[in-house]
Amino acid sequence: MYSMKTTLNIPDKRMKALLKATKAKTKTEAINTAIEDYIYQENVKAILALEGSSPDFMTQDELQDMRNMELQEQSDMENPKQ
């Protein structure tokens, strides 16, 4: 992995808060952790934005209906009617 040395002007108070929040031992580690977390959160947002955008996927209601049907079938098998 390649690294790029960069000079940043980050207020001391913000850096201390970042070090505390990330529990990082170094400023570099804290900044890298914050960048990775930010990228992860943006990827999650992008995935969530796709919700309901594909006709090939079930809706939440369809998934819940299927789960309820499975639970009913399981219950019927465990407690057969006589």
PDB file of N, CA and C in Angstrom:
ATOM      1  N   MET A   1       0.843  -1.170   0.000  1.00  0.00           N
ATOM      2  CA  MET A   1       0.000   0.000   0.000  1.00  0.00           C
ATOM      3  C   MET A   1       0.890   1.236   0.000  1.00  0.00           C
ATOM      4  N   TYR A   2       0.556   2.161  -0.864  1.00  0.00           N
ATOM      5  CA  TYR A   2       1.310   3.393  -0.936  1.00  0.00           C
ATOM      6  C   TYR A   2       0.726   4.425   0.017  1.00  0.00           C
ATOM      7  N   SER A   3       1.568   5.302   0.495  1.00  0.00           N
ATOM      8  CA  SER A   3       1.123   6.371   1.389  1.00  0.00           C
ATOM      9  C   SER A   3       1.503   7.708   0.781  1.00  0.00           C
ATOM     10  N   MET A   4       0.739   8.724   1.148  1.00  0.00           N
ATOM     11  CA  MET A   4       1.032  10.072   0.695  1.00  0.00           C
ATOM     12  C   MET A   4       1.169  10.947   1.934  1.00  0.00           C
ATOM     13  N   LYS A   5       2.314  11.563   2.085  1.00  0.00           N
ATOM     14  CA  LYS A   5       2.535  12.461   3.207  1.00  0.00           C
ATOM     15  C   LYS A   5       1.799  13.764   2.920  1.00  0.00           C
ATOM     16  N   THR A   6       0.991  14.212   3.889  1.00  0.00           N
ATOM     17  CA  THR A   6       0.159  15.400   3.704  1.00  0.00           C
ATOM     18  C   THR A   6       0.186  16.256   4.951  1.00  0.00           C
ATOM     19  N   THR A   7       0.192  17.541   4.747  1.00  0.00           N
ATOM     20  CA  THR A   7       0.100  18.473   5.867  1.00  0.00           C
ATOM     21  C   THR A   7      -1.340  18.948   5.970  1.00  0.00           C
ATOM     22  N   LEU A   8      -1.920  18.804   7.142  1.00  0.00           N
ATOM     23  CA  LEU A   8      -3.307  19.213   7.375  1.00  0.00           C
ATOM     24  C   LEU A   8      -3.362  20.193   8.541  1.00  0.00           C
ATOM     25  N   ASN A   9      -4.270  21.125   8.460  1.00  0.00           N
ATOM     26  CA  ASN A   9      -4.509  22.049   9.562  1.00  0.00           C
ATOM     27  C   ASN A   9      -5.804  21.625  10.251  1.00  0.00           C
ATOM     28  N   ILE A  10      -5.644  20.880  11.330  1.00  0.00           N
ATOM     29  CA  ILE A  10      -6.786  20.371  12.081  1.00  0.00           C
ATOM     30  C   ILE A  10      -6.746  21.003  13.467  1.00  0.00           C
ATOM     31  N   PRO A  11      -7.834  21.634  13.891  1.00  0.00           N
ATOM     32  CA  PRO A  11      -7.851  22.243  15.218  1.00  0.00           C
ATOM     33  C   PRO A  11      -7.533  21.205  16.304  1.00  0.00           C
ATOM     34  N   ASP A  12      -6.733  21.615  17.291  1.00  0.00           N
ATOM     35  CA  ASP A  12      -6.312  20.712  18.364  1.00  0.00           C
ATOM     36  C   ASP A  12      -7.497  20.037  19.047  1.00  0.00           C
ATOM     37  N   LYS A  13      -8.538  20.796  19.315  1.00  0.00           N
ATOM     38  CA  LYS A  13      -9.712  20.264  20.014  1.00  0.00           C
ATOM     39  C   LYS A  13     -10.360  19.137  19.197  1.00  0.00           C
ATOM     40  N   ARG A  14     -10.446  19.354  17.889  1.00  0.00           N
ATOM     41  CA  ARG A  14     -11.044  18.338  17.017  1.00  0.00           C
ATOM     42  C   ARG A  14     -10.168  17.093  16.954  1.00  0.00           C
ATOM     43  N   MET A  15      -8.853  17.268  16.892  1.00  0.00           N
ATOM     44  CA  MET A  15      -7.942  16.116  16.831  1.00  0.00           C
ATOM     45  C   MET A  15      -8.005  15.315  18.125  1.00  0.00           C
ATOM     46  N   LYS A  16      -8.051  16.014  19.265  1.00  0.00           N
ATOM     47  CA  LYS A  16      -8.165  15.311  20.551  1.00  0.00           C
ATOM     48  C   LYS A  16      -9.457  14.515  20.616  1.00  0.00           C
ATOM     49  N   ALA A  17     -10.539  15.102  20.129  1.00  0.00           N
ATOM     50  CA  ALA A  17     -11.828  14.403  20.119  1.00  0.00           C
ATOM     51  C   ALA A  17     -11.771  13.190  19.198  1.00  0.00           C
ATOM     52  N   LEU A  18     -11.113  13.328  18.064  1.00  0.00           N
ATOM     53  CA  LEU A  18     -10.980  12.218  17.121  1.00  0.00           C
ATOM     54  C   LEU A  18     -10.143  11.094  17.714  1.00  0.00           C
ATOM     55  N   LEU A  19      -9.043  11.442  18.341  1.00  0.00           N
ATOM     56  CA  LEU A  19      -8.194  10.428  18.982  1.00  0.00           C
ATOM     57  C   LEU A  19      -8.978   9.671  20.058  1.00  0.00           C
ATOM     58  N   LYS A  20      -9.780  10.400  20.816  1.00  0.00           N
ATOM     59  CA  LYS A  20     -10.579   9.770  21.873  1.00  0.00           C
ATOM     60  C   LYS A  20     -11.661   8.878  21.272  1.00  0.00           C
ATOM     61  N   ALA A  21     -12.354   9.382  20.254  1.00  0.00           N
ATOM     62  CA  ALA A  21     -13.457   8.633  19.654  1.00  0.00           C
ATOM     63  C   ALA A  21     -12.989   7.363  18.952  1.00  0.00           C
ATOM     64  N   THR A  22     -11.841   7.436  18.300  1.00  0.00           N
ATOM     65  CA  THR A  22     -11.334   6.277  17.556  1.00  0.00           C
ATOM     66  C   THR A  22     -10.475   5.354  18.414  1.00  0.00           C
ATOM     67  N   LYS A  23     -10.076   5.838  19.592  1.00  0.00           N
ATOM     68  CA  LYS A  23      -9.174   5.082  20.482  1.00  0.00           C
ATOM     69  C   LYS A  23      -7.859   4.740  19.773  1.00  0.00           C
ATOM     70  N   ALA A  24      -7.484   5.615  18.839  1.00  0.00           N
ATOM     71  CA  ALA A  24      -6.254   5.415  18.076  1.00  0.00           C
ATOM     72  C   ALA A  24      -5.046   5.830  18.914  1.00  0.00           C
ATOM     73  N   LYS A  25      -3.927   5.202  18.610  1.00  0.00           N
ATOM     74  CA  LYS A  25      -2.692   5.513  19.326  1.00  0.00           C
ATOM     75  C   LYS A  25      -1.926   6.654  18.652  1.00  0.00           C
ATOM     76  N   THR A  26      -2.202   6.860  17.362  1.00  0.00           N
ATOM     77  CA  THR A  26      -1.505   7.924  16.640  1.00  0.00           C
ATOM     78  C   THR A  26      -2.521   8.767  15.865  1.00  0.00           C
ATOM     79  N   LYS A  27      -2.084   9.967  15.489  1.00  0.00           N
ATOM     80  CA  LYS A  27      -2.950  10.839  14.695  1.00  0.00           C
ATOM     81  C   LYS A  27      -3.222  10.216  13.328  1.00  0.00           C
ATOM     82  N   THR A  28      -2.199   9.607  12.751  1.00  0.00           N
ATOM     83  CA  THR A  28      -2.373   8.946  11.451  1.00  0.00           C
ATOM     84  C   THR A  28      -3.423   7.855  11.534  1.00  0.00           C
ATOM     85  N   GLU A  29      -3.335   7.045  12.574  1.00  0.00           N
ATOM     86  CA  GLU A  29      -4.310   5.963  12.760  1.00  0.00           C
ATOM     87  C   GLU A  29      -5.714   6.533  12.947  1.00  0.00           C
ATOM     88  N   ALA A  30      -5.837   7.605  13.708  1.00  0.00           N
ATOM     89  CA  ALA A  30      -7.137   8.222  13.949  1.00  0.00           C
ATOM     90  C   ALA A  30      -7.743   8.751  12.656  1.00  0.00           C
ATOM     91  N   ILE A  31      -6.939   9.425  11.858  1.00  0.00           N
ATOM     92  CA  ILE A  31      -7.436   9.987  10.603  1.00  0.00           C
ATOM     93  C   ILE A  31      -7.805   8.878   9.623  1.00  0.00           C
ATOM     94  N   ASN A  32      -6.965   7.849   9.526  1.00  0.00           N
ATOM     95  CA  ASN A  32      -7.283   6.726   8.635  1.00  0.00           C
ATOM     96  C   ASN A  32      -8.566   6.027   9.065  1.00  0.00           C
ATOM     97  N   THR A  33      -8.742   5.853  10.364  1.00  0.00           N
ATOM     98  CA  THR A  33      -9.966   5.227  10.872  1.00  0.00           C
ATOM     99  C   THR A  33     -11.178   6.076  10.529  1.00  0.00           C
ATOM    100  N   ALA A  34     -11.064   7.380  10.712  1.00  0.00           N
ATOM    101  CA  ALA A  34     -12.179   8.283  10.399  1.00  0.00           C
ATOM    102  C   ALA A  34     -12.502   8.245   8.906  1.00  0.00           C
ATOM    103  N   ILE A  35     -11.490   8.214   8.068  1.00  0.00           N
ATOM    104  CA  ILE A  35     -11.715   8.150   6.621  1.00  0.00           C
ATOM    105  C   ILE A  35     -12.402   6.841   6.249  1.00  0.00           C
ATOM    106  N   GLU A  36     -11.919   5.735   6.799  1.00  0.00           N
ATOM    107  CA  GLU A  36     -12.523   4.432   6.503  1.00  0.00           C
ATOM    108  C   GLU A  36     -13.974   4.385   6.960  1.00  0.00           C
ATOM    109  N   ASP A  37     -14.251   4.910   8.154  1.00  0.00           N
ATOM    110  CA  ASP A  37     -15.624   4.941   8.662  1.00  0.00           C
ATOM    111  C   ASP A  37     -16.517   5.791   7.777  1.00  0.00           C
ATOM    112  N   TYR A  38     -16.018   6.923   7.329  1.00  0.00           N
ATOM    113  CA  TYR A  38     -16.794   7.805   6.467  1.00  0.00           C
ATOM    114  C   TYR A  38     -17.125   7.103   5.149  1.00  0.00           C
ATOM    115  N   ILE A  39     -16.131   6.486   4.538  1.00  0.00           N
ATOM    116  CA  ILE A  39     -16.348   5.779   3.275  1.00  0.00           C
ATOM    117  C   ILE A  39     -17.360   4.649   3.466  1.00  0.00           C
ATOM    118  N   TYR A  40     -17.248   3.908   4.558  1.00  0.00           N
ATOM    119  CA  TYR A  40     -18.192   2.833   4.854  1.00  0.00           C
ATOM    120  C   TYR A  40     -19.616   3.386   4.963  1.00  0.00           C
ATOM    121  N   GLN A  41     -19.782   4.469   5.720  1.00  0.00           N
ATOM    122  CA  GLN A  41     -21.109   5.068   5.896  1.00  0.00           C
ATOM    123  C   GLN A  41     -21.684   5.549   4.572  1.00  0.00           C
ATOM    124  N   GLU A  42     -20.859   6.122   3.721  1.00  0.00           N
ATOM    125  CA  GLU A  42     -21.344   6.569   2.410  1.00  0.00           C
ATOM    126  C   GLU A  42     -21.753   5.384   1.548  1.00  0.00           C
ATOM    127  N   ASN A  43     -21.016   4.283   1.626  1.00  0.00           N
ATOM    128  CA  ASN A  43     -21.384   3.075   0.881  1.00  0.00           C
ATOM    129  C   ASN A  43     -22.709   2.509   1.380  1.00  0.00           C
ATOM    130  N   VAL A  44     -22.915   2.517   2.693  1.00  0.00           N
ATOM    131  CA  VAL A  44     -24.182   2.048   3.258  1.00  0.00           C
ATOM    132  C   VAL A  44     -25.326   2.929   2.761  1.00  0.00           C
ATOM    133  N   LYS A  45     -25.138   4.239   2.769  1.00  0.00           N
ATOM    134  CA  LYS A  45     -26.167   5.160   2.266  1.00  0.00           C
ATOM    135  C   LYS A  45     -26.507   4.849   0.812  1.00  0.00           C
ATOM    136  N   ALA A  46     -25.479   4.590   0.011  1.00  0.00           N
ATOM    137  CA  ALA A  46     -25.699   4.294  -1.402  1.00  0.00           C
ATOM    138  C   ALA A  46     -26.492   3.008  -1.577  1.00  0.00           C
ATOM    139  N   ILE A  47     -26.180   2.012  -0.774  1.00  0.00           N
ATOM    140  CA  ILE A  47     -26.911   0.741  -0.848  1.00  0.00           C
ATOM    141  C   ILE A  47     -28.356   0.928  -0.400  1.00  0.00           C
ATOM    142  N   LEU A  48     -28.549   1.657   0.687  1.00  0.00           N
ATOM    143  CA  LEU A  48     -29.914   1.893   1.181  1.00  0.00           C
ATOM    144  C   LEU A  48     -30.740   2.700   0.189  1.00  0.00           C
ATOM    145  N   ALA A  49     -30.094   3.562  -0.576  1.00  0.00           N
ATOM    146  CA  ALA A  49     -30.807   4.353  -1.583  1.00  0.00           C
ATOM    147  C   ALA A  49     -31.361   3.475  -2.691  1.00  0.00           C
ATOM    148  N   LEU A  50     -30.801   2.285  -2.850  1.00  0.00           N
ATOM    149  CA  LEU A  50     -31.266   1.361  -3.884  1.00  0.00           C
ATOM    150  C   LEU A  50     -32.509   0.581  -3.453  1.00  0.00           C
ATOM    151  N   GLU A  51     -32.871   0.683  -2.193  1.00  0.00           N
ATOM    152  CA  GLU A  51     -34.009  -0.070  -1.674  1.00  0.00           C
ATOM    153  C   GLU A  51     -35.249   0.170  -2.527  1.00  0.00           C
ATOM    154  N   GLY A  52     -35.830  -0.919  -2.965  1.00  0.00           N
ATOM    155  CA  GLY A  52     -37.057  -0.838  -3.740  1.00  0.00           C
ATOM    156  C   GLY A  52     -36.858  -0.446  -5.192  1.00  0.00           C
ATOM    157  N   SER A  53     -35.621  -0.332  -5.644  1.00  0.00           N
ATOM    158  CA  SER A  53     -35.367   0.127  -7.008  1.00  0.00           C
ATOM    159  C   SER A  53     -35.265  -1.017  -8.016  1.00  0.00           C
ATOM    160  N   SER A  54     -35.319  -2.245  -7.539  1.00  0.00           N
ATOM    161  CA  SER A  54     -35.216  -3.380  -8.446  1.00  0.00           C
ATOM    162  C   SER A  54     -36.470  -4.244  -8.339  1.00  0.00           C
ATOM    163  N   PRO A  55     -37.109  -4.506  -9.468  1.00  0.00           N
ATOM    164  CA  PRO A  55     -38.311  -5.342  -9.426  1.00  0.00           C
ATOM    165  C   PRO A  55     -37.998  -6.801  -9.090  1.00  0.00           C
ATOM    166  N   ASP A  56     -36.729  -7.183  -9.135  1.00  0.00           N
ATOM    167  CA  ASP A  56     -36.351  -8.564  -8.858  1.00  0.00           C
ATOM    168  C   ASP A  56     -36.270  -8.876  -7.368  1.00  0.00           C
ATOM    169  N   PHE A  57     -36.261  -7.852  -6.533  1.00  0.00           N
ATOM    170  CA  PHE A  57     -36.165  -8.074  -5.099  1.00  0.00           C
ATOM    171  C   PHE A  57     -37.537  -7.923  -4.456  1.00  0.00           C
ATOM    172  N   MET A  58     -37.719  -8.654  -3.361  1.00  0.00           N
ATOM    173  CA  MET A  58     -38.979  -8.563  -2.625  1.00  0.00           C
ATOM    174  C   MET A  58     -39.040  -7.261  -1.840  1.00  0.00           C
ATOM    175  N   THR A  59     -40.270  -6.802  -1.630  1.00  0.00           N
ATOM    176  CA  THR A  59     -40.464  -5.642  -0.765  1.00  0.00           C
ATOM    177  C   THR A  59     -40.422  -6.110   0.684  1.00  0.00           C
ATOM    178  N   GLN A  60     -40.350  -5.166   1.606  1.00  0.00           N
ATOM    179  CA  GLN A  60     -40.376  -5.522   3.032  1.00  0.00           C
ATOM    180  C   GLN A  60     -41.662  -6.264   3.369  1.00  0.00           C
ATOM    181  N   ASP A  61     -42.783  -5.825   2.814  1.00  0.00           N
ATOM    182  CA  ASP A  61     -44.065  -6.489   3.081  1.00  0.00           C
ATOM    183  C   ASP A  61     -44.071  -7.922   2.558  1.00  0.00           C
ATOM    184  N   GLU A  62     -43.523  -8.122   1.361  1.00  0.00           N
ATOM    185  CA  GLU A  62     -43.451  -9.479   0.801  1.00  0.00           C
ATOM    186  C   GLU A  62     -42.561 -10.376   1.648  1.00  0.00           C
ATOM    187  N   LEU A  63     -41.434  -9.837   2.106  1.00  0.00           N
ATOM    188  CA  LEU A  63     -40.548 -10.617   2.979  1.00  0.00           C
ATOM    189  C   LEU A  63     -41.246 -10.986   4.287  1.00  0.00           C
ATOM    190  N   GLN A  64     -41.980 -10.034   4.861  1.00  0.00           N
ATOM    191  CA  GLN A  64     -42.691 -10.295   6.111  1.00  0.00           C
ATOM    192  C   GLN A  64     -43.787 -11.334   5.893  1.00  0.00           C
ATOM    193  N   ASP A  65     -44.519 -11.242   4.784  1.00  0.00           N
ATOM    194  CA  ASP A  65     -45.561 -12.226   4.479  1.00  0.00           C
ATOM    195  C   ASP A  65     -44.955 -13.619   4.343  1.00  0.00           C
ATOM    196  N   MET A  66     -43.809 -13.713   3.663  1.00  0.00           N
ATOM    197  CA  MET A  66     -43.157 -15.004   3.489  1.00  0.00           C
ATOM    198  C   MET A  66     -42.702 -15.559   4.838  1.00  0.00           C
ATOM    199  N   ARG A  67     -42.153 -14.705   5.673  1.00  0.00           N
ATOM    200  CA  ARG A  67     -41.695 -15.144   6.999  1.00  0.00           C
ATOM    201  C   ARG A  67     -42.885 -15.616   7.842  1.00  0.00           C
ATOM    202  N   ASN A  68     -43.988 -14.891   7.796  1.00  0.00           N
ATOM    203  CA  ASN A  68     -45.178 -15.298   8.546  1.00  0.00           C
ATOM    204  C   ASN A  68     -45.696 -16.650   8.066  1.00  0.00           C
ATOM    205  N   MET A  69     -45.663 -16.863   6.741  1.00  0.00           N
ATOM    206  CA  MET A  69     -46.097 -18.138   6.187  1.00  0.00           C
ATOM    207  C   MET A  69     -45.180 -19.273   6.662  1.00  0.00           C
ATOM    208  N   GLU A  70     -43.873 -19.033   6.662  1.00  0.00           N
ATOM    209  CA  GLU A  70     -42.923 -20.043   7.143  1.00  0.00           C
ATOM    210  C   GLU A  70     -43.158 -20.361   8.614  1.00  0.00           C
ATOM    211  N   LEU A  71     -43.393 -19.344   9.414  1.00  0.00           N
ATOM    212  CA  LEU A  71     -43.649 -19.564  10.841  1.00  0.00           C
ATOM    213  C   LEU A  71     -44.945 -20.343  11.048  1.00  0.00           C
ATOM    214  N   GLN A  72     -45.955 -20.052  10.241  1.00  0.00           N
ATOM    215  CA  GLN A  72     -47.224 -20.770  10.354  1.00  0.00           C
ATOM    216  C   GLN A  72     -47.038 -22.238   9.971  1.00  0.00           C
ATOM    217  N   GLU A  73     -46.295 -22.484   8.903  1.00  0.00           N
ATOM    218  CA  GLU A  73     -46.022 -23.860   8.480  1.00  0.00           C
ATOM    219  C   GLU A  73     -45.255 -24.615   9.558  1.00  0.00           C
ATOM    220  N   GLN A  74     -44.280 -23.953  10.158  1.00  0.00           N
ATOM    221  CA  GLN A  74     -43.502 -24.574  11.233  1.00  0.00           C
ATOM    222  C   GLN A  74     -44.401 -24.892  12.415  1.00  0.00           C
ATOM    223  N   SER A  75     -45.273 -23.970  12.766  1.00  0.00           N
ATOM    224  CA  SER A  75     -46.193 -24.170  13.875  1.00  0.00           C
ATOM    225  C   SER A  75     -47.149 -25.321  13.578  1.00  0.00           C
ATOM    226  N   ASP A  76     -47.646 -25.393  12.344  1.00  0.00           N
ATOM    227  CA  ASP A  76     -48.554 -26.478  11.947  1.00  0.00           C
ATOM    228  C   ASP A  76     -47.868 -27.837  12.044  1.00  0.00           C
ATOM    229  N   MET A  77     -46.580 -27.886  11.707  1.00  0.00           N
ATOM    230  CA  MET A  77     -45.836 -29.152  11.776  1.00  0.00           C
ATOM    231  C   MET A  77     -45.588 -29.566  13.220  1.00  0.00           C
ATOM    232  N   GLU A  78     -45.345 -28.593  14.082  1.00  0.00           N
ATOM    233  CA  GLU A  78     -45.086 -28.891  15.486  1.00  0.00           C
ATOM    234  C   GLU A  78     -46.365 -29.233  16.238  1.00  0.00           C
ATOM    235  N   ASN A  79     -47.483 -28.687  15.802  1.00  0.00           N
ATOM    236  CA  ASN A  79     -48.776 -28.890  16.477  1.00  0.00           C
ATOM    237  C   ASN A  79     -49.823 -29.317  15.445  1.00  0.00           C
ATOM    238  N   PRO A  80     -49.709 -30.562  14.965  1.00  0.00           N
ATOM    239  CA  PRO A  80     -50.662 -31.007  13.940  1.00  0.00           C
ATOM    240  C   PRO A  80     -52.096 -31.038  14.485  1.00  0.00           C
ATOM    241  N   LYS A  81     -53.037 -30.649  13.603  1.00  0.00           N
ATOM    242  CA  LYS A  81     -54.458 -30.688  13.979  1.00  0.00           C
ATOM    243  C   LYS A  81     -54.938 -32.123  13.877  1.00  0.00           C
ATOM    244  N   GLN A  82     -55.801 -32.498  14.817  1.00  0.00           N
ATOM    245  CA  GLN A  82     -56.269 -33.886  14.831  1.00  0.00           C
ATOM    246  C   GLN A  82     -57.676 -34.003  14.382  1.00  0.00           C
TER     247      GLN A  82
END
